[in-house]
Amino acid sequence: MRKAAFCGWIAIGVAATVSLTGCTSGQSGSAEKPTRTPQAPAAAEILQFYASPGQVAPGEQVLLCYGATNSKAVRIERHPGSPPPIQGTPSWNRCLADHPRRTTAYTLVVTGNDGQEITRGLQVSVSGAPVREEDTSSRIIQFVYSNTNDLAAGEKFTICYGVRDAVSVSLEPVHKNLPALATSCAEVVADRTTVYTLVATNKAGETDRETFKVTAH
């Protein structure tokens, strides 16, 4: 005579229960594990995209700053015409430099981890007499930029910079060590009005400095 298998919980006293596993109703064997549905990748989101300054003379440098999340590729397209796009990297906060010769529309194109593209645009106005292009090949610091120079005491501002062949970068007088990357950004708390100095040193021990002032009220 075949006995039916029992599956479930058995009460033992009032303090514990025991589970009987490894059975199914009427048959022996292991229970099937539930399958887990993989989650779809999160969609990308553009946090910011702005130019500084928004109006320049022909050939003058403009910084294009962006931030995005859940992204795997970033590029900035330029119009009119079809010049090669400026290639970026996924980042919460990064600036890239350009030197437009005429009024240019820029489109930030972000490819998300889900493979979908999202965009945001802006325009930089170009007018006036062309500027003489500065030779920065011998300089360690290529550029330095603060997203604001006037804010309330205790607030944060963002500094973005570019360096060439640097082994160390710091911000004085706050003694803040910064990444010695080709381009990078960092947040700084402005406690009071301060003249800051970006200091970069290369392998030969040569040092380059750039100063800027931030007013804190």
N, C-alpha and C. Protein backbone atom coordinates (compact mmCIF):
# COMPACT_ATOMS: atom_id res chain seq x y z
N MET A 1 0.86 -1.20 0.00
CA MET A 1 0.00 0.00 0.00
C MET A 1 0.88 1.23 0.00
N ARG A 2 0.64 2.16 -0.90
CA ARG A 2 1.46 3.36 -1.02
C ARG A 2 0.93 4.45 -0.09
N LYS A 3 1.84 5.01 0.69
CA LYS A 3 1.46 6.07 1.61
C LYS A 3 1.63 7.43 0.95
N ALA A 4 0.70 8.32 1.21
CA ALA A 4 0.80 9.69 0.68
C ALA A 4 1.84 10.47 1.47
N ALA A 5 2.67 11.26 0.77
CA ALA A 5 3.68 12.08 1.45
C ALA A 5 3.04 13.31 2.04
N PHE A 6 3.58 13.78 3.18
CA PHE A 6 3.05 14.98 3.82
C PHE A 6 4.07 16.10 3.68
N CYS A 7 3.63 17.27 3.23
CA CYS A 7 4.49 18.43 3.10
C CYS A 7 3.87 19.58 3.87
N GLY A 8 4.66 20.26 4.66
CA GLY A 8 4.11 21.40 5.38
C GLY A 8 4.89 21.68 6.64
N TRP A 9 4.23 22.26 7.60
CA TRP A 9 4.86 22.64 8.86
C TRP A 9 4.25 21.81 9.99
N ILE A 10 5.08 21.32 10.92
CA ILE A 10 4.62 20.58 12.10
C ILE A 10 4.92 21.41 13.32
N ALA A 11 3.93 21.63 14.13
CA ALA A 11 4.13 22.39 15.36
C ALA A 11 4.75 21.50 16.41
N ILE A 12 5.77 22.02 17.10
CA ILE A 12 6.41 21.30 18.20
C ILE A 12 6.28 22.17 19.43
N GLY A 13 5.41 21.77 20.31
CA GLY A 13 5.18 22.58 21.50
C GLY A 13 4.62 23.93 21.10
N VAL A 14 5.07 24.98 21.80
CA VAL A 14 4.60 26.33 21.50
C VAL A 14 5.74 27.23 21.06
N ALA A 15 6.98 26.70 21.06
CA ALA A 15 8.12 27.56 20.85
C ALA A 15 8.78 27.39 19.50
N ALA A 16 8.49 26.35 18.73
CA ALA A 16 9.21 26.13 17.48
C ALA A 16 8.36 25.36 16.51
N THR A 17 8.72 25.47 15.23
CA THR A 17 8.09 24.66 14.18
C THR A 17 9.19 24.08 13.33
N VAL A 18 8.91 22.94 12.70
CA VAL A 18 9.86 22.27 11.82
C VAL A 18 9.24 22.15 10.44
N SER A 19 10.00 22.48 9.42
CA SER A 19 9.52 22.38 8.05
C SER A 19 9.96 21.07 7.46
N LEU A 20 9.08 20.35 6.81
CA LEU A 20 9.41 19.13 6.08
C LEU A 20 9.64 19.51 4.64
N THR A 21 10.86 19.32 4.15
CA THR A 21 11.20 19.70 2.78
C THR A 21 11.53 18.48 1.97
N GLY A 22 11.79 18.71 0.70
CA GLY A 22 12.19 17.61 -0.18
C GLY A 22 11.04 16.74 -0.57
N CYS A 23 9.83 17.24 -0.59
CA CYS A 23 8.69 16.43 -0.97
C CYS A 23 7.68 17.27 -1.73
N THR A 24 6.88 16.57 -2.48
CA THR A 24 5.76 17.18 -3.18
C THR A 24 4.53 16.35 -2.87
N SER A 25 3.40 16.88 -3.17
CA SER A 25 2.18 16.16 -2.84
C SER A 25 2.10 14.86 -3.62
N GLY A 26 2.21 13.74 -2.88
CA GLY A 26 2.05 12.42 -3.48
C GLY A 26 3.30 11.91 -4.14
N GLN A 27 4.38 12.68 -4.29
CA GLN A 27 5.58 12.23 -4.96
C GLN A 27 6.80 12.72 -4.22
N SER A 28 7.90 11.97 -4.32
CA SER A 28 9.16 12.40 -3.72
C SER A 28 9.97 13.18 -4.74
N GLY A 29 10.96 13.98 -4.25
CA GLY A 29 11.79 14.78 -5.14
C GLY A 29 11.99 16.15 -4.56
N SER A 30 12.85 16.95 -5.16
CA SER A 30 13.15 18.30 -4.66
C SER A 30 12.20 19.31 -5.28
N ALA A 31 11.87 20.34 -4.49
CA ALA A 31 10.98 21.39 -4.98
C ALA A 31 11.71 22.28 -5.97
N GLU A 32 11.01 22.77 -6.99
CA GLU A 32 11.61 23.65 -7.98
C GLU A 32 11.85 25.03 -7.39
N LYS A 33 13.04 25.61 -7.69
CA LYS A 33 13.36 26.95 -7.22
C LYS A 33 12.70 27.98 -8.13
N PRO A 34 12.14 29.04 -7.55
CA PRO A 34 11.52 30.07 -8.40
C PRO A 34 12.56 30.80 -9.23
N THR A 35 12.21 31.10 -10.47
CA THR A 35 13.13 31.83 -11.35
C THR A 35 13.03 33.32 -11.07
N ARG A 36 14.16 34.02 -11.11
CA ARG A 36 14.20 35.46 -10.85
C ARG A 36 14.31 36.22 -12.17
N THR A 37 13.39 37.09 -12.40
CA THR A 37 13.39 37.88 -13.64
C THR A 37 14.44 38.99 -13.55
N PRO A 38 15.40 39.04 -14.49
CA PRO A 38 16.43 40.09 -14.42
C PRO A 38 15.84 41.48 -14.61
N GLN A 39 16.36 42.43 -13.86
CA GLN A 39 15.87 43.80 -13.95
C GLN A 39 16.46 44.51 -15.17
N ALA A 40 15.66 45.31 -15.79
CA ALA A 40 16.13 46.08 -16.95
C ALA A 40 17.08 47.18 -16.48
N PRO A 41 18.11 47.52 -17.29
CA PRO A 41 19.02 48.61 -16.90
C PRO A 41 18.28 49.92 -16.72
N ALA A 42 18.74 50.71 -15.77
CA ALA A 42 18.10 52.01 -15.51
C ALA A 42 18.36 52.96 -16.68
N ALA A 43 17.39 53.80 -16.98
CA ALA A 43 17.53 54.77 -18.06
C ALA A 43 18.48 55.89 -17.66
N ALA A 44 19.18 56.44 -18.64
CA ALA A 44 20.12 57.54 -18.38
C ALA A 44 19.35 58.81 -18.04
N GLU A 45 20.02 59.70 -17.31
CA GLU A 45 19.43 60.99 -16.97
C GLU A 45 20.52 62.07 -17.08
N ILE A 46 20.21 63.17 -17.76
CA ILE A 46 21.13 64.29 -17.86
C ILE A 46 20.91 65.21 -16.67
N LEU A 47 21.95 65.40 -15.88
CA LEU A 47 21.86 66.24 -14.69
C LEU A 47 22.08 67.71 -15.01
N GLN A 48 22.98 67.98 -15.94
CA GLN A 48 23.30 69.36 -16.28
C GLN A 48 24.02 69.41 -17.62
N PHE A 49 23.91 70.53 -18.30
CA PHE A 49 24.66 70.80 -19.52
C PHE A 49 24.66 72.30 -19.73
N TYR A 50 25.83 72.92 -19.63
CA TYR A 50 25.91 74.37 -19.76
C TYR A 50 27.27 74.76 -20.35
N ALA A 51 27.33 75.98 -20.86
CA ALA A 51 28.57 76.51 -21.45
C ALA A 51 29.04 77.70 -20.65
N SER A 52 30.35 77.83 -20.54
CA SER A 52 30.93 78.99 -19.85
C SER A 52 32.18 79.45 -20.59
N PRO A 53 32.17 80.72 -21.07
CA PRO A 53 31.02 81.63 -21.10
C PRO A 53 30.06 81.26 -22.22
N GLY A 54 28.90 81.93 -22.23
CA GLY A 54 27.91 81.65 -23.27
C GLY A 54 28.10 82.47 -24.52
N GLN A 55 29.01 83.48 -24.46
CA GLN A 55 29.31 84.32 -25.61
C GLN A 55 30.80 84.56 -25.65
N VAL A 56 31.43 84.31 -26.81
CA VAL A 56 32.88 84.43 -26.94
C VAL A 56 33.23 85.09 -28.26
N ALA A 57 34.49 85.50 -28.37
CA ALA A 57 35.02 85.98 -29.64
C ALA A 57 35.46 84.77 -30.47
N PRO A 58 35.57 84.92 -31.79
CA PRO A 58 35.99 83.80 -32.64
C PRO A 58 37.32 83.20 -32.17
N GLY A 59 37.33 81.90 -31.94
CA GLY A 59 38.54 81.22 -31.52
C GLY A 59 38.76 81.20 -30.02
N GLU A 60 37.93 81.93 -29.26
CA GLU A 60 38.10 81.95 -27.81
C GLU A 60 37.60 80.64 -27.20
N GLN A 61 38.21 80.25 -26.10
CA GLN A 61 37.85 78.98 -25.46
C GLN A 61 36.50 79.08 -24.75
N VAL A 62 35.71 78.03 -24.91
CA VAL A 62 34.47 77.87 -24.16
C VAL A 62 34.50 76.48 -23.52
N LEU A 63 34.02 76.40 -22.29
CA LEU A 63 33.94 75.12 -21.59
C LEU A 63 32.51 74.60 -21.66
N LEU A 64 32.37 73.36 -22.06
CA LEU A 64 31.08 72.69 -22.14
C LEU A 64 31.03 71.67 -21.01
N CYS A 65 30.20 71.94 -20.03
CA CYS A 65 30.17 71.12 -18.82
C CYS A 65 28.88 70.31 -18.77
N TYR A 66 29.02 69.05 -18.38
CA TYR A 66 27.86 68.17 -18.36
C TYR A 66 27.93 67.22 -17.17
N GLY A 67 26.79 66.61 -16.88
CA GLY A 67 26.72 65.57 -15.86
C GLY A 67 25.59 64.63 -16.23
N ALA A 68 25.80 63.32 -16.06
CA ALA A 68 24.78 62.34 -16.41
C ALA A 68 24.93 61.11 -15.52
N THR A 69 23.83 60.41 -15.33
CA THR A 69 23.84 59.17 -14.56
C THR A 69 23.38 58.01 -15.45
N ASN A 70 23.74 56.78 -15.03
CA ASN A 70 23.34 55.55 -15.73
C ASN A 70 23.70 55.60 -17.21
N SER A 71 24.88 56.13 -17.51
CA SER A 71 25.31 56.29 -18.90
C SER A 71 26.53 55.43 -19.18
N LYS A 72 26.68 55.05 -20.45
CA LYS A 72 27.86 54.29 -20.87
C LYS A 72 28.65 54.97 -21.98
N ALA A 73 28.10 56.05 -22.55
CA ALA A 73 28.81 56.80 -23.58
C ALA A 73 28.27 58.23 -23.64
N VAL A 74 29.19 59.17 -23.92
CA VAL A 74 28.82 60.59 -23.99
C VAL A 74 29.56 61.23 -25.15
N ARG A 75 28.86 62.06 -25.90
CA ARG A 75 29.50 62.86 -26.95
C ARG A 75 28.77 64.19 -27.07
N ILE A 76 29.48 65.19 -27.62
CA ILE A 76 28.88 66.50 -27.85
C ILE A 76 29.00 66.80 -29.34
N GLU A 77 27.86 66.94 -30.00
CA GLU A 77 27.85 67.23 -31.43
C GLU A 77 27.79 68.73 -31.66
N ARG A 78 28.38 69.17 -32.78
CA ARG A 78 28.47 70.61 -33.09
C ARG A 78 27.79 70.90 -34.42
N HIS A 79 27.06 72.03 -34.46
CA HIS A 79 26.35 72.46 -35.66
C HIS A 79 26.51 73.97 -35.81
N PRO A 80 26.52 74.56 -37.00
CA PRO A 80 26.28 73.90 -38.29
C PRO A 80 27.50 73.12 -38.79
N GLY A 81 27.31 72.50 -39.95
CA GLY A 81 28.36 71.65 -40.48
C GLY A 81 28.34 70.31 -39.78
N SER A 82 29.33 69.50 -40.08
CA SER A 82 29.43 68.17 -39.47
C SER A 82 30.84 67.89 -38.98
N PRO A 83 31.37 68.75 -38.09
CA PRO A 83 32.70 68.47 -37.55
C PRO A 83 32.63 67.23 -36.65
N PRO A 84 33.74 66.56 -36.43
CA PRO A 84 33.72 65.39 -35.55
C PRO A 84 33.19 65.76 -34.17
N PRO A 85 32.39 64.90 -33.57
CA PRO A 85 31.88 65.22 -32.23
C PRO A 85 32.99 65.23 -31.19
N ILE A 86 32.77 65.96 -30.12
CA ILE A 86 33.71 65.97 -29.00
C ILE A 86 33.38 64.77 -28.13
N GLN A 87 34.32 63.87 -27.98
CA GLN A 87 34.07 62.65 -27.22
C GLN A 87 34.28 62.90 -25.73
N GLY A 88 33.30 62.52 -24.93
CA GLY A 88 33.41 62.62 -23.48
C GLY A 88 33.40 61.24 -22.85
N THR A 89 33.31 61.20 -21.55
CA THR A 89 33.21 59.95 -20.81
C THR A 89 32.09 60.10 -19.78
N PRO A 90 31.45 59.00 -19.41
CA PRO A 90 30.39 59.09 -18.40
C PRO A 90 30.90 59.74 -17.11
N SER A 91 30.19 60.73 -16.63
CA SER A 91 30.63 61.45 -15.43
C SER A 91 29.45 62.23 -14.85
N TRP A 92 29.49 62.42 -13.54
CA TRP A 92 28.50 63.27 -12.88
C TRP A 92 28.80 64.75 -13.12
N ASN A 93 30.09 65.05 -13.36
CA ASN A 93 30.47 66.45 -13.50
C ASN A 93 31.79 66.52 -14.26
N ARG A 94 31.73 66.98 -15.52
CA ARG A 94 32.95 67.08 -16.32
C ARG A 94 32.81 68.23 -17.30
N CYS A 95 33.95 68.85 -17.66
CA CYS A 95 33.97 69.94 -18.63
C CYS A 95 34.92 69.61 -19.77
N LEU A 96 34.52 69.95 -20.98
CA LEU A 96 35.35 69.78 -22.17
C LEU A 96 35.50 71.15 -22.84
N ALA A 97 36.65 71.39 -23.45
CA ALA A 97 36.93 72.69 -24.05
C ALA A 97 36.72 72.66 -25.57
N ASP A 98 36.26 73.79 -26.11
CA ASP A 98 36.16 73.97 -27.56
C ASP A 98 36.50 75.41 -27.88
N HIS A 99 36.83 75.68 -29.15
CA HIS A 99 37.20 77.02 -29.60
C HIS A 99 36.40 77.36 -30.86
N PRO A 100 35.12 77.67 -30.71
CA PRO A 100 34.28 77.91 -31.90
C PRO A 100 34.69 79.17 -32.65
N ARG A 101 34.63 79.10 -33.99
CA ARG A 101 34.94 80.26 -34.82
C ARG A 101 33.68 81.03 -35.23
N ARG A 102 32.52 80.42 -35.01
CA ARG A 102 31.25 81.07 -35.32
C ARG A 102 30.20 80.55 -34.33
N THR A 103 29.04 81.22 -34.31
CA THR A 103 27.98 80.80 -33.39
C THR A 103 27.67 79.32 -33.62
N THR A 104 27.68 78.57 -32.56
CA THR A 104 27.61 77.11 -32.66
C THR A 104 26.55 76.56 -31.71
N ALA A 105 25.78 75.62 -32.24
CA ALA A 105 24.82 74.88 -31.42
C ALA A 105 25.48 73.56 -31.01
N TYR A 106 25.44 73.26 -29.73
CA TYR A 106 26.01 72.03 -29.20
C TYR A 106 24.89 71.12 -28.70
N THR A 107 25.01 69.85 -29.01
CA THR A 107 24.04 68.86 -28.54
C THR A 107 24.75 67.78 -27.74
N LEU A 108 24.38 67.66 -26.48
CA LEU A 108 24.91 66.60 -25.63
C LEU A 108 24.11 65.33 -25.91
N VAL A 109 24.80 64.26 -26.28
CA VAL A 109 24.15 62.98 -26.56
C VAL A 109 24.66 61.95 -25.56
N VAL A 110 23.76 61.43 -24.76
CA VAL A 110 24.12 60.46 -23.72
C VAL A 110 23.46 59.13 -24.04
N THR A 111 24.28 58.07 -24.10
CA THR A 111 23.76 56.72 -24.31
C THR A 111 23.67 56.03 -22.96
N GLY A 112 22.46 55.60 -22.61
CA GLY A 112 22.24 54.96 -21.32
C GLY A 112 22.67 53.51 -21.30
N ASN A 113 22.72 52.93 -20.12
CA ASN A 113 23.04 51.52 -19.98
C ASN A 113 22.00 50.63 -20.65
N ASP A 114 20.81 51.21 -20.91
CA ASP A 114 19.76 50.46 -21.60
C ASP A 114 19.86 50.59 -23.12
N GLY A 115 20.90 51.30 -23.60
CA GLY A 115 21.11 51.45 -25.04
C GLY A 115 20.36 52.61 -25.67
N GLN A 116 19.51 53.31 -24.90
CA GLN A 116 18.74 54.42 -25.43
C GLN A 116 19.53 55.73 -25.32
N GLU A 117 19.33 56.62 -26.30
CA GLU A 117 20.01 57.91 -26.31
C GLU A 117 19.07 59.02 -25.85
N ILE A 118 19.60 59.94 -25.05
CA ILE A 118 18.86 61.15 -24.68
C ILE A 118 19.75 62.34 -25.01
N THR A 119 19.14 63.50 -25.25
CA THR A 119 19.90 64.67 -25.69
C THR A 119 19.47 65.93 -24.95
N ARG A 120 20.38 66.91 -24.97
CA ARG A 120 20.07 68.25 -24.49
C ARG A 120 20.95 69.22 -25.26
N GLY A 121 20.42 70.37 -25.62
CA GLY A 121 21.16 71.31 -26.46
C GLY A 121 21.37 72.66 -25.83
N LEU A 122 22.32 73.40 -26.39
CA LEU A 122 22.57 74.79 -26.02
C LEU A 122 23.28 75.47 -27.17
N GLN A 123 23.38 76.80 -27.11
CA GLN A 123 24.05 77.57 -28.16
C GLN A 123 25.05 78.54 -27.56
N VAL A 124 26.20 78.64 -28.19
CA VAL A 124 27.23 79.60 -27.81
C VAL A 124 27.32 80.64 -28.91
N SER A 125 27.11 81.91 -28.55
CA SER A 125 27.17 83.00 -29.52
C SER A 125 28.61 83.45 -29.73
N VAL A 126 28.99 83.63 -30.98
CA VAL A 126 30.36 84.05 -31.33
C VAL A 126 30.27 85.37 -32.10
N SER A 127 30.98 86.38 -31.61
CA SER A 127 30.97 87.67 -32.29
C SER A 127 32.22 88.45 -31.91
N GLY A 128 32.47 89.53 -32.66
CA GLY A 128 33.63 90.36 -32.37
C GLY A 128 34.86 89.96 -33.15
N ALA A 129 35.99 90.57 -32.79
CA ALA A 129 37.26 90.30 -33.48
C ALA A 129 37.85 88.97 -33.00
N PRO A 130 38.45 88.20 -33.91
CA PRO A 130 39.07 86.93 -33.51
C PRO A 130 40.17 87.17 -32.48
N VAL A 131 40.30 86.22 -31.57
CA VAL A 131 41.36 86.32 -30.57
C VAL A 131 42.56 85.52 -31.05
N ARG A 132 43.71 85.97 -30.63
CA ARG A 132 44.94 85.25 -30.97
C ARG A 132 45.03 84.01 -30.12
N GLU A 133 45.20 82.88 -30.77
CA GLU A 133 45.22 81.61 -30.04
C GLU A 133 46.46 81.53 -29.16
N GLU A 134 46.23 81.26 -27.89
CA GLU A 134 47.33 81.18 -26.94
C GLU A 134 48.01 79.82 -27.01
N ASP A 135 49.32 79.82 -27.02
CA ASP A 135 50.08 78.57 -27.04
C ASP A 135 50.22 78.06 -25.61
N THR A 136 49.49 76.97 -25.31
CA THR A 136 49.55 76.40 -23.96
C THR A 136 50.34 75.09 -23.92
N SER A 137 51.05 74.78 -25.01
CA SER A 137 51.75 73.50 -25.09
C SER A 137 52.83 73.35 -24.03
N SER A 138 53.42 74.49 -23.60
CA SER A 138 54.49 74.41 -22.61
C SER A 138 53.96 74.55 -21.18
N ARG A 139 52.66 74.76 -21.02
CA ARG A 139 52.08 74.95 -19.70
C ARG A 139 51.52 73.64 -19.17
N ILE A 140 51.60 73.49 -17.85
CA ILE A 140 51.03 72.29 -17.21
C ILE A 140 49.53 72.47 -17.07
N ILE A 141 49.09 73.63 -16.58
CA ILE A 141 47.66 73.91 -16.44
C ILE A 141 47.13 74.44 -17.77
N GLN A 142 46.19 73.72 -18.35
CA GLN A 142 45.61 74.12 -19.63
C GLN A 142 44.43 75.07 -19.45
N PHE A 143 43.65 74.85 -18.40
CA PHE A 143 42.56 75.78 -18.08
C PHE A 143 42.08 75.51 -16.66
N VAL A 144 41.41 76.49 -16.08
CA VAL A 144 40.76 76.33 -14.79
C VAL A 144 39.50 77.19 -14.81
N TYR A 145 38.43 76.67 -14.27
CA TYR A 145 37.14 77.34 -14.35
C TYR A 145 36.31 77.03 -13.11
N SER A 146 35.65 78.05 -12.57
CA SER A 146 34.71 77.89 -11.46
C SER A 146 33.30 78.16 -11.98
N ASN A 147 32.34 77.34 -11.59
CA ASN A 147 30.98 77.51 -12.11
C ASN A 147 30.30 78.76 -11.56
N THR A 148 30.86 79.36 -10.50
CA THR A 148 30.36 80.63 -9.99
C THR A 148 31.48 81.33 -9.24
N ASN A 149 31.44 82.65 -9.20
CA ASN A 149 32.43 83.40 -8.41
C ASN A 149 31.75 84.27 -7.37
N ASP A 150 30.44 84.01 -7.13
CA ASP A 150 29.68 84.80 -6.16
C ASP A 150 28.59 83.92 -5.57
N LEU A 151 28.67 83.65 -4.26
CA LEU A 151 27.71 82.77 -3.62
C LEU A 151 27.65 83.06 -2.12
N ALA A 152 26.74 82.41 -1.41
CA ALA A 152 26.60 82.60 0.03
C ALA A 152 27.66 81.80 0.78
N ALA A 153 28.13 82.33 1.89
CA ALA A 153 29.13 81.63 2.69
C ALA A 153 28.58 80.28 3.14
N GLY A 154 29.42 79.26 3.01
CA GLY A 154 29.02 77.90 3.37
C GLY A 154 28.49 77.09 2.21
N GLU A 155 28.23 77.74 1.07
CA GLU A 155 27.77 77.00 -0.10
C GLU A 155 28.95 76.40 -0.86
N LYS A 156 28.64 75.44 -1.72
CA LYS A 156 29.67 74.78 -2.52
C LYS A 156 29.71 75.36 -3.93
N PHE A 157 30.90 75.39 -4.49
CA PHE A 157 31.05 75.71 -5.91
C PHE A 157 31.89 74.61 -6.54
N THR A 158 31.83 74.53 -7.86
CA THR A 158 32.55 73.49 -8.60
C THR A 158 33.70 74.10 -9.37
N ILE A 159 34.87 73.54 -9.22
CA ILE A 159 36.03 73.95 -10.00
C ILE A 159 36.34 72.83 -11.00
N CYS A 160 36.51 73.20 -12.26
CA CYS A 160 36.92 72.27 -13.30
C CYS A 160 38.25 72.74 -13.88
N TYR A 161 39.11 71.81 -14.21
CA TYR A 161 40.44 72.19 -14.68
C TYR A 161 40.97 71.14 -15.66
N GLY A 162 41.97 71.56 -16.41
CA GLY A 162 42.68 70.66 -17.31
C GLY A 162 44.17 70.81 -17.11
N VAL A 163 44.89 69.70 -17.04
CA VAL A 163 46.34 69.74 -16.85
C VAL A 163 47.03 68.83 -17.86
N ARG A 164 48.31 69.11 -18.08
CA ARG A 164 49.09 68.34 -19.05
C ARG A 164 50.32 67.76 -18.35
N ASP A 165 50.44 66.43 -18.37
CA ASP A 165 51.61 65.71 -17.79
C ASP A 165 51.83 66.06 -16.32
N ALA A 166 50.76 66.24 -15.59
CA ALA A 166 50.89 66.57 -14.16
C ALA A 166 50.94 65.29 -13.33
N VAL A 167 51.72 65.32 -12.24
CA VAL A 167 51.77 64.21 -11.31
C VAL A 167 51.07 64.56 -10.00
N SER A 168 50.86 65.85 -9.77
CA SER A 168 50.12 66.28 -8.59
C SER A 168 49.40 67.58 -8.87
N VAL A 169 48.20 67.70 -8.29
CA VAL A 169 47.39 68.91 -8.43
C VAL A 169 46.78 69.21 -7.07
N SER A 170 46.80 70.46 -6.68
CA SER A 170 46.20 70.85 -5.40
C SER A 170 45.57 72.22 -5.51
N LEU A 171 44.69 72.52 -4.56
CA LEU A 171 44.04 73.82 -4.50
C LEU A 171 44.40 74.48 -3.19
N GLU A 172 45.00 75.66 -3.29
CA GLU A 172 45.40 76.42 -2.12
C GLU A 172 44.52 77.66 -1.99
N PRO A 173 44.31 78.21 -0.80
CA PRO A 173 44.96 77.86 0.47
C PRO A 173 44.22 76.81 1.29
N VAL A 174 43.31 76.06 0.66
CA VAL A 174 42.52 75.08 1.42
C VAL A 174 43.23 73.72 1.53
N HIS A 175 44.42 73.61 0.89
CA HIS A 175 45.23 72.39 0.96
C HIS A 175 44.42 71.16 0.53
N LYS A 176 43.72 71.31 -0.58
CA LYS A 176 42.89 70.22 -1.10
C LYS A 176 43.60 69.54 -2.25
N ASN A 177 43.96 68.27 -2.10
CA ASN A 177 44.59 67.50 -3.17
C ASN A 177 43.53 67.08 -4.18
N LEU A 178 43.84 67.26 -5.47
CA LEU A 178 42.90 66.96 -6.54
C LEU A 178 43.50 65.90 -7.46
N PRO A 179 42.65 65.19 -8.21
CA PRO A 179 43.15 64.18 -9.14
C PRO A 179 44.04 64.79 -10.22
N ALA A 180 45.16 64.15 -10.50
CA ALA A 180 46.07 64.63 -11.55
C ALA A 180 45.66 64.03 -12.89
N LEU A 181 44.42 64.32 -13.30
CA LEU A 181 43.88 63.82 -14.55
C LEU A 181 43.91 64.91 -15.62
N ALA A 182 43.79 64.52 -16.87
CA ALA A 182 43.83 65.49 -17.96
C ALA A 182 42.75 66.54 -17.78
N THR A 183 41.54 66.12 -17.42
CA THR A 183 40.46 67.04 -17.06
C THR A 183 39.71 66.45 -15.88
N SER A 184 39.30 67.30 -14.96
CA SER A 184 38.57 66.83 -13.79
C SER A 184 37.83 68.00 -13.15
N CYS A 185 36.91 67.68 -12.25
CA CYS A 185 36.15 68.68 -11.50
C CYS A 185 36.10 68.28 -10.04
N ALA A 186 35.93 69.26 -9.16
CA ALA A 186 35.83 68.99 -7.73
C ALA A 186 34.96 70.06 -7.08
N GLU A 187 34.31 69.69 -5.99
CA GLU A 187 33.49 70.63 -5.23
C GLU A 187 34.28 71.21 -4.07
N VAL A 188 34.06 72.49 -3.79
CA VAL A 188 34.77 73.19 -2.72
C VAL A 188 33.74 74.01 -1.94
N VAL A 189 33.85 74.02 -0.62
CA VAL A 189 32.98 74.83 0.22
C VAL A 189 33.60 76.21 0.38
N ALA A 190 32.83 77.25 0.08
CA ALA A 190 33.32 78.63 0.19
C ALA A 190 32.92 79.19 1.56
N ASP A 191 33.83 79.17 2.51
CA ASP A 191 33.53 79.70 3.85
C ASP A 191 33.56 81.23 3.88
N ARG A 192 34.42 81.80 3.04
CA ARG A 192 34.55 83.26 2.99
C ARG A 192 35.16 83.63 1.63
N THR A 193 35.18 84.91 1.33
CA THR A 193 35.79 85.38 0.09
C THR A 193 37.27 84.98 0.07
N THR A 194 37.68 84.30 -1.00
CA THR A 194 39.02 83.72 -1.05
C THR A 194 39.59 83.82 -2.46
N VAL A 195 40.88 84.09 -2.55
CA VAL A 195 41.61 83.96 -3.80
C VAL A 195 42.25 82.57 -3.79
N TYR A 196 41.77 81.71 -4.67
CA TYR A 196 42.26 80.33 -4.74
C TYR A 196 43.37 80.22 -5.77
N THR A 197 44.27 79.27 -5.54
CA THR A 197 45.35 79.00 -6.48
C THR A 197 45.38 77.52 -6.80
N LEU A 198 45.22 77.20 -8.08
CA LEU A 198 45.39 75.83 -8.53
C LEU A 198 46.88 75.61 -8.81
N VAL A 199 47.46 74.59 -8.18
CA VAL A 199 48.89 74.31 -8.32
C VAL A 199 49.06 72.93 -8.94
N ALA A 200 49.83 72.86 -10.03
CA ALA A 200 50.09 71.59 -10.70
C ALA A 200 51.59 71.41 -10.90
N THR A 201 52.07 70.20 -10.65
CA THR A 201 53.49 69.89 -10.77
C THR A 201 53.67 68.69 -11.69
N ASN A 202 54.70 68.74 -12.57
CA ASN A 202 54.97 67.62 -13.47
C ASN A 202 56.13 66.76 -12.95
N LYS A 203 56.50 65.73 -13.72
CA LYS A 203 57.54 64.79 -13.29
C LYS A 203 58.90 65.47 -13.12
N ALA A 204 59.14 66.52 -13.89
CA ALA A 204 60.43 67.23 -13.81
C ALA A 204 60.50 68.14 -12.59
N GLY A 205 59.42 68.23 -11.84
CA GLY A 205 59.40 69.10 -10.67
C GLY A 205 59.00 70.53 -10.98
N GLU A 206 58.63 70.79 -12.24
CA GLU A 206 58.19 72.14 -12.62
C GLU A 206 56.77 72.37 -12.11
N THR A 207 56.49 73.60 -11.69
CA THR A 207 55.20 73.93 -11.10
C THR A 207 54.52 75.05 -11.89
N ASP A 208 53.22 74.91 -12.06
CA ASP A 208 52.41 75.91 -12.74
C ASP A 208 51.28 76.32 -11.80
N ARG A 209 50.86 77.60 -11.87
CA ARG A 209 49.83 78.12 -10.97
C ARG A 209 48.81 78.96 -11.73
N GLU A 210 47.55 78.85 -11.33
CA GLU A 210 46.49 79.71 -11.84
C GLU A 210 45.64 80.15 -10.65
N THR A 211 45.34 81.44 -10.58
CA THR A 211 44.54 81.96 -9.47
C THR A 211 43.17 82.43 -9.96
N PHE A 212 42.19 82.37 -9.05
CA PHE A 212 40.86 82.90 -9.32
C PHE A 212 40.23 83.24 -7.97
N LYS A 213 39.29 84.17 -8.02
CA LYS A 213 38.66 84.66 -6.79
C LYS A 213 37.21 84.25 -6.73
N VAL A 214 36.76 83.79 -5.55
CA VAL A 214 35.36 83.48 -5.31
C VAL A 214 34.89 84.33 -4.12
N THR A 215 33.83 85.10 -4.33
CA THR A 215 33.28 85.97 -3.29
C THR A 215 32.16 85.24 -2.56
N ALA A 216 32.28 85.18 -1.23
CA ALA A 216 31.26 84.54 -0.39
C ALA A 216 30.69 85.58 0.55
N HIS A 217 29.37 85.77 0.54
CA HIS A 217 28.71 86.79 1.36
C HIS A 217 28.25 86.19 2.69
